[in-house]
Amino acid sequence: MTRENGGGKECAAAQLLIEELLRTAFSLGSVYAPLLADLPEDAFPGEDPGAVLIEMLAGSSLAAAEVVDKADWRSATALVKAVRESVLSDLRSAAELARQAEKEMLL
């Protein structure tokens, strides 16, 4: 389901890109979380198991990065970071609004 934001084809393309990014994040998260939870405590002695798994997932993904020019990697990284920060900001705002509404109901 694509939402039109009045930006024409460019906006629609951005919407598709962000939706694919989110689907990918959810898919990888559904792999990462159970793996991390099931790891024995001594799986990677002296290392952060979460960081090791991220490194492994990144290694599995490196070949896929070749589908775009290397010059685009920094732009893609900036986009991913901006999407993450935007979503987290919206979630923090929603949580704050919910807290305020709850306080008002208690008064």
PDB file of N, CA and C in Angstrom:
ATOM      1  N   MET A   1       0.836  -1.167   0.000  1.00  0.00           N
ATOM      2  CA  MET A   1       0.000   0.000   0.000  1.00  0.00           C
ATOM      3  C   MET A   1       0.887   1.238   0.000  1.00  0.00           C
ATOM      4  N   THR A   2       0.831   2.016  -1.032  1.00  0.00           N
ATOM      5  CA  THR A   2       1.647   3.211  -1.142  1.00  0.00           C
ATOM      6  C   THR A   2       0.789   4.429  -0.872  1.00  0.00           C
ATOM      7  N   ARG A   3       1.274   5.287  -0.010  1.00  0.00           N
ATOM      8  CA  ARG A   3       0.561   6.503   0.320  1.00  0.00           C
ATOM      9  C   ARG A   3       1.098   7.627  -0.550  1.00  0.00           C
ATOM     10  N   GLU A   4       0.226   8.393  -1.156  1.00  0.00           N
ATOM     11  CA  GLU A   4       0.637   9.533  -1.964  1.00  0.00           C
ATOM     12  C   GLU A   4       0.830  10.739  -1.066  1.00  0.00           C
ATOM     13  N   ASN A   5       1.962  11.375  -1.163  1.00  0.00           N
ATOM     14  CA  ASN A   5       2.247  12.552  -0.360  1.00  0.00           C
ATOM     15  C   ASN A   5       2.320  13.807  -1.215  1.00  0.00           C
ATOM     16  N   GLY A   6       1.827  13.755  -2.418  1.00  0.00           N
ATOM     17  CA  GLY A   6       1.827  14.929  -3.261  1.00  0.00           C
ATOM     18  C   GLY A   6       3.149  15.197  -3.947  1.00  0.00           C
ATOM     19  N   GLY A   7       4.102  14.300  -3.845  1.00  0.00           N
ATOM     20  CA  GLY A   7       5.407  14.531  -4.420  1.00  0.00           C
ATOM     21  C   GLY A   7       5.614  13.856  -5.755  1.00  0.00           C
ATOM     22  N   GLY A   8       4.599  13.258  -6.317  1.00  0.00           N
ATOM     23  CA  GLY A   8       4.715  12.636  -7.621  1.00  0.00           C
ATOM     24  C   GLY A   8       5.522  11.360  -7.594  1.00  0.00           C
ATOM     25  N   LYS A   9       6.146  11.081  -8.744  1.00  0.00           N
ATOM     26  CA  LYS A   9       6.875   9.815  -8.898  1.00  0.00           C
ATOM     27  C   LYS A   9       8.060   9.697  -7.946  1.00  0.00           C
ATOM     28  N   GLU A  10       8.755  10.817  -7.697  1.00  0.00           N
ATOM     29  CA  GLU A  10       9.905  10.759  -6.792  1.00  0.00           C
ATOM     30  C   GLU A  10       9.464  10.357  -5.392  1.00  0.00           C
ATOM     31  N   CYS A  11       8.352  10.934  -4.952  1.00  0.00           N
ATOM     32  CA  CYS A  11       7.843  10.606  -3.621  1.00  0.00           C
ATOM     33  C   CYS A  11       7.405   9.145  -3.572  1.00  0.00           C
ATOM     34  N   ALA A  12       6.767   8.681  -4.621  1.00  0.00           N
ATOM     35  CA  ALA A  12       6.336   7.284  -4.667  1.00  0.00           C
ATOM     36  C   ALA A  12       7.547   6.357  -4.636  1.00  0.00           C
ATOM     37  N   ALA A  13       8.608   6.726  -5.335  1.00  0.00           N
ATOM     38  CA  ALA A  13       9.826   5.913  -5.331  1.00  0.00           C
ATOM     39  C   ALA A  13      10.450   5.903  -3.935  1.00  0.00           C
ATOM     40  N   ALA A  14      10.456   7.039  -3.261  1.00  0.00           N
ATOM     41  CA  ALA A  14      10.988   7.109  -1.898  1.00  0.00           C
ATOM     42  C   ALA A  14      10.152   6.258  -0.955  1.00  0.00           C
ATOM     43  N   GLN A  15       8.835   6.314  -1.126  1.00  0.00           N
ATOM     44  CA  GLN A  15       7.930   5.504  -0.300  1.00  0.00           C
ATOM     45  C   GLN A  15       8.242   4.019  -0.478  1.00  0.00           C
ATOM     46  N   LEU A  16       8.414   3.592  -1.727  1.00  0.00           N
ATOM     47  CA  LEU A  16       8.731   2.179  -1.997  1.00  0.00           C
ATOM     48  C   LEU A  16      10.064   1.787  -1.376  1.00  0.00           C
ATOM     49  N   LEU A  17      11.053   2.666  -1.487  1.00  0.00           N
ATOM     50  CA  LEU A  17      12.372   2.395  -0.907  1.00  0.00           C
ATOM     51  C   LEU A  17      12.277   2.241   0.606  1.00  0.00           C
ATOM     52  N   ILE A  18      11.573   3.138   1.254  1.00  0.00           N
ATOM     53  CA  ILE A  18      11.469   3.093   2.711  1.00  0.00           C
ATOM     54  C   ILE A  18      10.670   1.871   3.157  1.00  0.00           C
ATOM     55  N   GLU A  19       9.609   1.544   2.428  1.00  0.00           N
ATOM     56  CA  GLU A  19       8.850   0.337   2.768  1.00  0.00           C
ATOM     57  C   GLU A  19       9.721  -0.910   2.639  1.00  0.00           C
ATOM     58  N   GLU A  20      10.543  -0.971   1.605  1.00  0.00           N
ATOM     59  CA  GLU A  20      11.447  -2.127   1.441  1.00  0.00           C
ATOM     60  C   GLU A  20      12.476  -2.155   2.567  1.00  0.00           C
ATOM     61  N   LEU A  21      12.986  -0.995   2.939  1.00  0.00           N
ATOM     62  CA  LEU A  21      13.928  -0.901   4.052  1.00  0.00           C
ATOM     63  C   LEU A  21      13.292  -1.437   5.333  1.00  0.00           C
ATOM     64  N   LEU A  22      12.059  -1.047   5.592  1.00  0.00           N
ATOM     65  CA  LEU A  22      11.380  -1.504   6.805  1.00  0.00           C
ATOM     66  C   LEU A  22      11.094  -3.004   6.763  1.00  0.00           C
ATOM     67  N   ARG A  23      10.662  -3.503   5.609  1.00  0.00           N
ATOM     68  CA  ARG A  23      10.436  -4.962   5.491  1.00  0.00           C
ATOM     69  C   ARG A  23      11.737  -5.716   5.755  1.00  0.00           C
ATOM     70  N   THR A  24      12.825  -5.201   5.229  1.00  0.00           N
ATOM     71  CA  THR A  24      14.126  -5.837   5.434  1.00  0.00           C
ATOM     72  C   THR A  24      14.519  -5.804   6.906  1.00  0.00           C
ATOM     73  N   ALA A  25      14.311  -4.660   7.541  1.00  0.00           N
ATOM     74  CA  ALA A  25      14.646  -4.541   8.963  1.00  0.00           C
ATOM     75  C   ALA A  25      13.843  -5.532   9.795  1.00  0.00           C
ATOM     76  N   PHE A  26      12.551  -5.653   9.511  1.00  0.00           N
ATOM     77  CA  PHE A  26      11.719  -6.593  10.266  1.00  0.00           C
ATOM     78  C   PHE A  26      12.159  -8.027  10.011  1.00  0.00           C
ATOM     79  N   SER A  27      12.473  -8.347   8.771  1.00  0.00           N
ATOM     80  CA  SER A  27      12.913  -9.705   8.438  1.00  0.00           C
ATOM     81  C   SER A  27      14.216 -10.042   9.141  1.00  0.00           C
ATOM     82  N   LEU A  28      15.177  -9.135   9.076  1.00  0.00           N
ATOM     83  CA  LEU A  28      16.462  -9.398   9.725  1.00  0.00           C
ATOM     84  C   LEU A  28      16.312  -9.438  11.241  1.00  0.00           C
ATOM     85  N   GLY A  29      15.434  -8.599  11.774  1.00  0.00           N
ATOM     86  CA  GLY A  29      15.184  -8.608  13.212  1.00  0.00           C
ATOM     87  C   GLY A  29      14.597  -9.930  13.677  1.00  0.00           C
ATOM     88  N   SER A  30      13.756 -10.518  12.829  1.00  0.00           N
ATOM     89  CA  SER A  30      13.144 -11.796  13.204  1.00  0.00           C
ATOM     90  C   SER A  30      14.151 -12.939  13.144  1.00  0.00           C
ATOM     91  N   VAL A  31      15.257 -12.731  12.471  1.00  0.00           N
ATOM     92  CA  VAL A  31      16.350 -13.709  12.462  1.00  0.00           C
ATOM     93  C   VAL A  31      17.314 -13.418  13.618  1.00  0.00           C
ATOM     94  N   TYR A  32      17.657 -12.161  13.781  1.00  0.00           N
ATOM     95  CA  TYR A  32      18.663 -11.732  14.753  1.00  0.00           C
ATOM     96  C   TYR A  32      18.239 -12.021  16.195  1.00  0.00           C
ATOM     97  N   ALA A  33      17.025 -11.627  16.554  1.00  0.00           N
ATOM     98  CA  ALA A  33      16.591 -11.741  17.957  1.00  0.00           C
ATOM     99  C   ALA A  33      16.612 -13.182  18.469  1.00  0.00           C
ATOM    100  N   PRO A  34      16.020 -14.139  17.733  1.00  0.00           N
ATOM    101  CA  PRO A  34      16.078 -15.522  18.237  1.00  0.00           C
ATOM    102  C   PRO A  34      17.503 -16.080  18.280  1.00  0.00           C
ATOM    103  N   LEU A  35      18.316 -15.724  17.278  1.00  0.00           N
ATOM    104  CA  LEU A  35      19.712 -16.191  17.303  1.00  0.00           C
ATOM    105  C   LEU A  35      20.424 -15.685  18.546  1.00  0.00           C
ATOM    106  N   LEU A  36      20.253 -14.421  18.835  1.00  0.00           N
ATOM    107  CA  LEU A  36      20.907 -13.821  19.995  1.00  0.00           C
ATOM    108  C   LEU A  36      20.401 -14.462  21.287  1.00  0.00           C
ATOM    109  N   ALA A  37      19.095 -14.683  21.362  1.00  0.00           N
ATOM    110  CA  ALA A  37      18.509 -15.272  22.567  1.00  0.00           C
ATOM    111  C   ALA A  37      18.969 -16.711  22.783  1.00  0.00           C
ATOM    112  N   ASP A  38      19.201 -17.447  21.703  1.00  0.00           N
ATOM    113  CA  ASP A  38      19.567 -18.861  21.811  1.00  0.00           C
ATOM    114  C   ASP A  38      21.070 -19.112  21.939  1.00  0.00           C
ATOM    115  N   LEU A  39      21.878 -18.077  21.818  1.00  0.00           N
ATOM    116  CA  LEU A  39      23.328 -18.268  21.919  1.00  0.00           C
ATOM    117  C   LEU A  39      23.727 -18.651  23.344  1.00  0.00           C
ATOM    118  N   PRO A  40      24.614 -19.621  23.469  1.00  0.00           N
ATOM    119  CA  PRO A  40      25.146 -19.890  24.808  1.00  0.00           C
ATOM    120  C   PRO A  40      25.976 -18.695  25.277  1.00  0.00           C
ATOM    121  N   GLU A  41      26.046 -18.515  26.573  1.00  0.00           N
ATOM    122  CA  GLU A  41      26.752 -17.350  27.120  1.00  0.00           C
ATOM    123  C   GLU A  41      28.209 -17.282  26.673  1.00  0.00           C
ATOM    124  N   ASP A  42      28.824 -18.424  26.430  1.00  0.00           N
ATOM    125  CA  ASP A  42      30.239 -18.444  26.065  1.00  0.00           C
ATOM    126  C   ASP A  42      30.451 -18.593  24.552  1.00  0.00           C
ATOM    127  N   ALA A  43      29.459 -18.247  23.764  1.00  0.00           N
ATOM    128  CA  ALA A  43      29.556 -18.424  22.311  1.00  0.00           C
ATOM    129  C   ALA A  43      30.702 -17.621  21.703  1.00  0.00           C
ATOM    130  N   PHE A  44      30.895 -16.404  22.183  1.00  0.00           N
ATOM    131  CA  PHE A  44      31.961 -15.540  21.667  1.00  0.00           C
ATOM    132  C   PHE A  44      32.684 -14.932  22.862  1.00  0.00           C
ATOM    133  N   PRO A  45      33.570 -15.712  23.480  1.00  0.00           N
ATOM    134  CA  PRO A  45      34.241 -15.244  24.704  1.00  0.00           C
ATOM    135  C   PRO A  45      34.937 -13.895  24.502  1.00  0.00           C
ATOM    136  N   GLY A  46      34.680 -12.994  25.424  1.00  0.00           N
ATOM    137  CA  GLY A  46      35.325 -11.687  25.397  1.00  0.00           C
ATOM    138  C   GLY A  46      34.729 -10.714  24.389  1.00  0.00           C
ATOM    139  N   GLU A  47      33.680 -11.135  23.687  1.00  0.00           N
ATOM    140  CA  GLU A  47      33.068 -10.253  22.695  1.00  0.00           C
ATOM    141  C   GLU A  47      31.585 -10.081  22.993  1.00  0.00           C
ATOM    142  N   ASP A  48      31.036  -8.994  22.511  1.00  0.00           N
ATOM    143  CA  ASP A  48      29.600  -8.737  22.635  1.00  0.00           C
ATOM    144  C   ASP A  48      28.874  -9.591  21.599  1.00  0.00           C
ATOM    145  N   PRO A  49      28.071 -10.561  22.031  1.00  0.00           N
ATOM    146  CA  PRO A  49      27.400 -11.457  21.078  1.00  0.00           C
ATOM    147  C   PRO A  49      26.529 -10.711  20.066  1.00  0.00           C
ATOM    148  N   GLY A  50      25.864  -9.648  20.503  1.00  0.00           N
ATOM    149  CA  GLY A  50      25.038  -8.864  19.585  1.00  0.00           C
ATOM    150  C   GLY A  50      25.867  -8.229  18.487  1.00  0.00           C
ATOM    151  N   ALA A  51      27.022  -7.688  18.862  1.00  0.00           N
ATOM    152  CA  ALA A  51      27.908  -7.069  17.879  1.00  0.00           C
ATOM    153  C   ALA A  51      28.459  -8.113  16.906  1.00  0.00           C
ATOM    154  N   VAL A  52      28.766  -9.293  17.419  1.00  0.00           N
ATOM    155  CA  VAL A  52      29.282 -10.364  16.555  1.00  0.00           C
ATOM    156  C   VAL A  52      28.218 -10.769  15.536  1.00  0.00           C
ATOM    157  N   LEU A  53      26.971 -10.922  15.986  1.00  0.00           N
ATOM    158  CA  LEU A  53      25.902 -11.289  15.053  1.00  0.00           C
ATOM    159  C   LEU A  53      25.673 -10.208  14.008  1.00  0.00           C
ATOM    160  N   ILE A  54      25.733  -8.954  14.408  1.00  0.00           N
ATOM    161  CA  ILE A  54      25.579  -7.859  13.432  1.00  0.00           C
ATOM    162  C   ILE A  54      26.693  -7.919  12.400  1.00  0.00           C
ATOM    163  N   GLU A  55      27.911  -8.170  12.870  1.00  0.00           N
ATOM    164  CA  GLU A  55      29.046  -8.302  11.956  1.00  0.00           C
ATOM    165  C   GLU A  55      28.824  -9.454  10.970  1.00  0.00           C
ATOM    166  N   MET A  56      28.286 -10.557  11.470  1.00  0.00           N
ATOM    167  CA  MET A  56      28.026 -11.719  10.608  1.00  0.00           C
ATOM    168  C   MET A  56      26.938 -11.400   9.577  1.00  0.00           C
ATOM    169  N   LEU A  57      25.872 -10.749  10.018  1.00  0.00           N
ATOM    170  CA  LEU A  57      24.806 -10.376   9.084  1.00  0.00           C
ATOM    171  C   LEU A  57      25.317  -9.382   8.046  1.00  0.00           C
ATOM    172  N   ALA A  58      26.151  -8.450   8.482  1.00  0.00           N
ATOM    173  CA  ALA A  58      26.730  -7.487   7.547  1.00  0.00           C
ATOM    174  C   ALA A  58      27.601  -8.205   6.525  1.00  0.00           C
ATOM    175  N   GLY A  59      28.383  -9.163   6.975  1.00  0.00           N
ATOM    176  CA  GLY A  59      29.224  -9.929   6.057  1.00  0.00           C
ATOM    177  C   GLY A  59      28.404 -10.681   5.028  1.00  0.00           C
ATOM    178  N   SER A  60      27.277 -11.225   5.467  1.00  0.00           N
ATOM    179  CA  SER A  60      26.397 -11.938   4.530  1.00  0.00           C
ATOM    180  C   SER A  60      25.774 -10.996   3.510  1.00  0.00           C
ATOM    181  N   SER A  61      25.714  -9.728   3.846  1.00  0.00           N
ATOM    182  CA  SER A  61      25.034  -8.746   2.993  1.00  0.00           C
ATOM    183  C   SER A  61      25.964  -7.985   2.056  1.00  0.00           C
ATOM    184  N   LEU A  62      27.248  -8.087   2.253  1.00  0.00           N
ATOM    185  CA  LEU A  62      28.188  -7.273   1.468  1.00  0.00           C
ATOM    186  C   LEU A  62      28.054  -7.465  -0.038  1.00  0.00           C
ATOM    187  N   ALA A  63      27.858  -8.678  -0.479  1.00  0.00           N
ATOM    188  CA  ALA A  63      27.727  -8.910  -1.924  1.00  0.00           C
ATOM    189  C   ALA A  63      26.517  -8.184  -2.490  1.00  0.00           C
ATOM    190  N   ALA A  64      25.462  -8.077  -1.698  1.00  0.00           N
ATOM    191  CA  ALA A  64      24.247  -7.397  -2.152  1.00  0.00           C
ATOM    192  C   ALA A  64      24.496  -5.906  -2.369  1.00  0.00           C
ATOM    193  N   ALA A  65      25.441  -5.340  -1.658  1.00  0.00           N
ATOM    194  CA  ALA A  65      25.741  -3.911  -1.804  1.00  0.00           C
ATOM    195  C   ALA A  65      26.268  -3.583  -3.193  1.00  0.00           C
ATOM    196  N   GLU A  66      26.766  -4.583  -3.884  1.00  0.00           N
ATOM    197  CA  GLU A  66      27.328  -4.363  -5.213  1.00  0.00           C
ATOM    198  C   GLU A  66      26.273  -4.005  -6.268  1.00  0.00           C
ATOM    199  N   VAL A  67      24.971  -4.095  -5.912  1.00  0.00           N
ATOM    200  CA  VAL A  67      23.932  -3.769  -6.894  1.00  0.00           C
ATOM    201  C   VAL A  67      23.841  -2.268  -7.152  1.00  0.00           C
ATOM    202  N   VAL A  68      24.449  -1.462  -6.287  1.00  0.00           N
ATOM    203  CA  VAL A  68      24.496  -0.013  -6.513  1.00  0.00           C
ATOM    204  C   VAL A  68      25.949   0.444  -6.549  1.00  0.00           C
ATOM    205  N   ASP A  69      26.176   1.586  -7.154  1.00  0.00           N
ATOM    206  CA  ASP A  69      27.523   2.146  -7.221  1.00  0.00           C
ATOM    207  C   ASP A  69      28.048   2.441  -5.821  1.00  0.00           C
ATOM    208  N   LYS A  70      29.327   2.251  -5.646  1.00  0.00           N
ATOM    209  CA  LYS A  70      29.946   2.503  -4.344  1.00  0.00           C
ATOM    210  C   LYS A  70      29.706   3.936  -3.876  1.00  0.00           C
ATOM    211  N   ALA A  71      29.622   4.860  -4.807  1.00  0.00           N
ATOM    212  CA  ALA A  71      29.366   6.263  -4.453  1.00  0.00           C
ATOM    213  C   ALA A  71      28.012   6.424  -3.767  1.00  0.00           C
ATOM    214  N   ASP A  72      27.090   5.526  -4.012  1.00  0.00           N
ATOM    215  CA  ASP A  72      25.752   5.614  -3.422  1.00  0.00           C
ATOM    216  C   ASP A  72      25.683   5.028  -2.017  1.00  0.00           C
ATOM    217  N   TRP A  73      26.712   4.322  -1.586  1.00  0.00           N
ATOM    218  CA  TRP A  73      26.676   3.676  -0.287  1.00  0.00           C
ATOM    219  C   TRP A  73      26.528   4.696   0.846  1.00  0.00           C
ATOM    220  N   ARG A  74      27.261   5.802   0.767  1.00  0.00           N
ATOM    221  CA  ARG A  74      27.161   6.814   1.831  1.00  0.00           C
ATOM    222  C   ARG A  74      25.770   7.445   1.855  1.00  0.00           C
ATOM    223  N   SER A  75      25.212   7.678   0.677  1.00  0.00           N
ATOM    224  CA  SER A  75      23.856   8.239   0.620  1.00  0.00           C
ATOM    225  C   SER A  75      22.848   7.254   1.199  1.00  0.00           C
ATOM    226  N   ALA A  76      23.012   5.989   0.870  1.00  0.00           N
ATOM    227  CA  ALA A  76      22.098   4.965   1.398  1.00  0.00           C
ATOM    228  C   ALA A  76      22.223   4.871   2.912  1.00  0.00           C
ATOM    229  N   THR A  77      23.436   4.951   3.409  1.00  0.00           N
ATOM    230  CA  THR A  77      23.666   4.912   4.848  1.00  0.00           C
ATOM    231  C   THR A  77      22.998   6.098   5.529  1.00  0.00           C
ATOM    232  N   ALA A  78      23.143   7.276   4.939  1.00  0.00           N
ATOM    233  CA  ALA A  78      22.502   8.473   5.497  1.00  0.00           C
ATOM    234  C   ALA A  78      20.981   8.329   5.491  1.00  0.00           C
ATOM    235  N   LEU A  79      20.440   7.755   4.433  1.00  0.00           N
ATOM    236  CA  LEU A  79      18.990   7.547   4.364  1.00  0.00           C
ATOM    237  C   LEU A  79      18.527   6.585   5.447  1.00  0.00           C
ATOM    238  N   VAL A  80      19.219   5.476   5.606  1.00  0.00           N
ATOM    239  CA  VAL A  80      18.840   4.492   6.621  1.00  0.00           C
ATOM    240  C   VAL A  80      18.866   5.138   8.007  1.00  0.00           C
ATOM    241  N   LYS A  81      19.910   5.901   8.283  1.00  0.00           N
ATOM    242  CA  LYS A  81      20.011   6.585   9.577  1.00  0.00           C
ATOM    243  C   LYS A  81      18.875   7.590   9.743  1.00  0.00           C
ATOM    244  N   ALA A  82      18.577   8.356   8.713  1.00  0.00           N
ATOM    245  CA  ALA A  82      17.501   9.347   8.785  1.00  0.00           C
ATOM    246  C   ALA A  82      16.145   8.682   9.014  1.00  0.00           C
ATOM    247  N   VAL A  83      15.907   7.553   8.348  1.00  0.00           N
ATOM    248  CA  VAL A  83      14.650   6.820   8.550  1.00  0.00           C
ATOM    249  C   VAL A  83      14.560   6.354   9.997  1.00  0.00           C
ATOM    250  N   ARG A  84      15.640   5.772  10.507  1.00  0.00           N
ATOM    251  CA  ARG A  84      15.650   5.292  11.892  1.00  0.00           C
ATOM    252  C   ARG A  84      15.358   6.434  12.861  1.00  0.00           C
ATOM    253  N   GLU A  85      16.051   7.544  12.699  1.00  0.00           N
ATOM    254  CA  GLU A  85      15.873   8.679  13.602  1.00  0.00           C
ATOM    255  C   GLU A  85      14.466   9.262  13.511  1.00  0.00           C
ATOM    256  N   SER A  86      13.905   9.301  12.312  1.00  0.00           N
ATOM    257  CA  SER A  86      12.552   9.823  12.126  1.00  0.00           C
ATOM    258  C   SER A  86      11.523   8.937  12.815  1.00  0.00           C
ATOM    259  N   VAL A  87      11.656   7.628  12.627  1.00  0.00           N
ATOM    260  CA  VAL A  87      10.716   6.692  13.245  1.00  0.00           C
ATOM    261  C   VAL A  87      10.830   6.761  14.768  1.00  0.00           C
ATOM    262  N   LEU A  88      12.048   6.760  15.289  1.00  0.00           N
ATOM    263  CA  LEU A  88      12.233   6.821  16.734  1.00  0.00           C
ATOM    264  C   LEU A  88      11.700   8.133  17.307  1.00  0.00           C
ATOM    265  N   SER A  89      11.899   9.220  16.603  1.00  0.00           N
ATOM    266  CA  SER A  89      11.379  10.513  17.042  1.00  0.00           C
ATOM    267  C   SER A  89       9.860  10.502  17.099  1.00  0.00           C
ATOM    268  N   ASP A  90       9.239   9.954  16.059  1.00  0.00           N
ATOM    269  CA  ASP A  90       7.775   9.859  16.046  1.00  0.00           C
ATOM    270  C   ASP A  90       7.271   8.967  17.179  1.00  0.00           C
ATOM    271  N   LEU A  91       7.966   7.864  17.443  1.00  0.00           N
ATOM    272  CA  LEU A  91       7.557   6.970  18.530  1.00  0.00           C
ATOM    273  C   LEU A  91       7.701   7.653  19.890  1.00  0.00           C
ATOM    274  N   ARG A  92       8.776   8.408  20.068  1.00  0.00           N
ATOM    275  CA  ARG A  92       8.945   9.150  21.329  1.00  0.00           C
ATOM    276  C   ARG A  92       7.830  10.181  21.488  1.00  0.00           C
ATOM    277  N   SER A  93       7.491  10.869  20.403  1.00  0.00           N
ATOM    278  CA  SER A  93       6.406  11.862  20.457  1.00  0.00           C
ATOM    279  C   SER A  93       5.077  11.205  20.790  1.00  0.00           C
ATOM    280  N   ALA A  94       4.804  10.069  20.178  1.00  0.00           N
ATOM    281  CA  ALA A  94       3.555   9.352  20.446  1.00  0.00           C
ATOM    282  C   ALA A  94       3.501   8.893  21.897  1.00  0.00           C
ATOM    283  N   ALA A  95       4.614   8.415  22.420  1.00  0.00           N
ATOM    284  CA  ALA A  95       4.656   7.974  23.816  1.00  0.00           C
ATOM    285  C   ALA A  95       4.416   9.153  24.752  1.00  0.00           C
ATOM    286  N   GLU A  96       4.994  10.289  24.451  1.00  0.00           N
ATOM    287  CA  GLU A  96       4.806  11.484  25.271  1.00  0.00           C
ATOM    288  C   GLU A  96       3.344  11.943  25.236  1.00  0.00           C
ATOM    289  N   LEU A  97       2.747  11.929  24.061  1.00  0.00           N
ATOM    290  CA  LEU A  97       1.328  12.292  23.953  1.00  0.00           C
ATOM    291  C   LEU A  97       0.454  11.331  24.753  1.00  0.00           C
ATOM    292  N   ALA A  98       0.776  10.058  24.709  1.00  0.00           N
ATOM    293  CA  ALA A  98       0.013   9.061  25.473  1.00  0.00           C
ATOM    294  C   ALA A  98       0.153   9.314  26.970  1.00  0.00           C
ATOM    295  N   ARG A  99       1.361   9.632  27.423  1.00  0.00           N
ATOM    296  CA  ARG A  99       1.571   9.938  28.849  1.00  0.00           C
ATOM    297  C   ARG A  99       0.765  11.164  29.260  1.00  0.00           C
ATOM    298  N   GLN A 100       0.787  12.198  28.411  1.00  0.00           N
ATOM    299  CA  GLN A 100       0.031  13.414  28.719  1.00  0.00           C
ATOM    300  C   GLN A 100      -1.469  13.127  28.773  1.00  0.00           C
ATOM    301  N   ALA A 101      -1.964  12.351  27.830  1.00  0.00           N
ATOM    302  CA  ALA A 101      -3.386  12.015  27.811  1.00  0.00           C
ATOM    303  C   ALA A 101      -3.771  11.216  29.052  1.00  0.00           C
ATOM    304  N   GLU A 102      -2.895  10.314  29.472  1.00  0.00           N
ATOM    305  CA  GLU A 102      -3.171   9.511  30.655  1.00  0.00           C
ATOM    306  C   GLU A 102      -3.204  10.398  31.900  1.00  0.00           C
ATOM    307  N   LYS A 103      -2.260  11.352  32.001  1.00  0.00           N
ATOM    308  CA  LYS A 103      -2.248  12.274  33.125  1.00  0.00           C
ATOM    309  C   LYS A 103      -3.536  13.084  33.182  1.00  0.00           C
ATOM    310  N   GLU A 104      -3.980  13.561  32.026  1.00  0.00           N
ATOM    311  CA  GLU A 104      -5.192  14.371  31.950  1.00  0.00           C
ATOM    312  C   GLU A 104      -6.413  13.563  32.371  1.00  0.00           C
ATOM    313  N   MET A 105      -6.439  12.277  32.023  1.00  0.00           N
ATOM    314  CA  MET A 105      -7.563  11.429  32.407  1.00  0.00           C
ATOM    315  C   MET A 105      -7.588  11.191  33.919  1.00  0.00           C
ATOM    316  N   LEU A 106      -6.408  11.214  34.553  1.00  0.00           N
ATOM    317  CA  LEU A 106      -6.334  10.973  35.994  1.00  0.00           C
ATOM    318  C   LEU A 106      -6.686  12.213  36.806  1.00  0.00           C
ATOM    319  N   LEU A 107      -6.683  13.372  36.179  1.00  0.00           N
ATOM    320  CA  LEU A 107      -6.974  14.617  36.915  1.00  0.00           C
ATOM    321  C   LEU A 107      -8.420  14.811  37.174  1.00  0.00           C
TER     322      LEU A 107
END
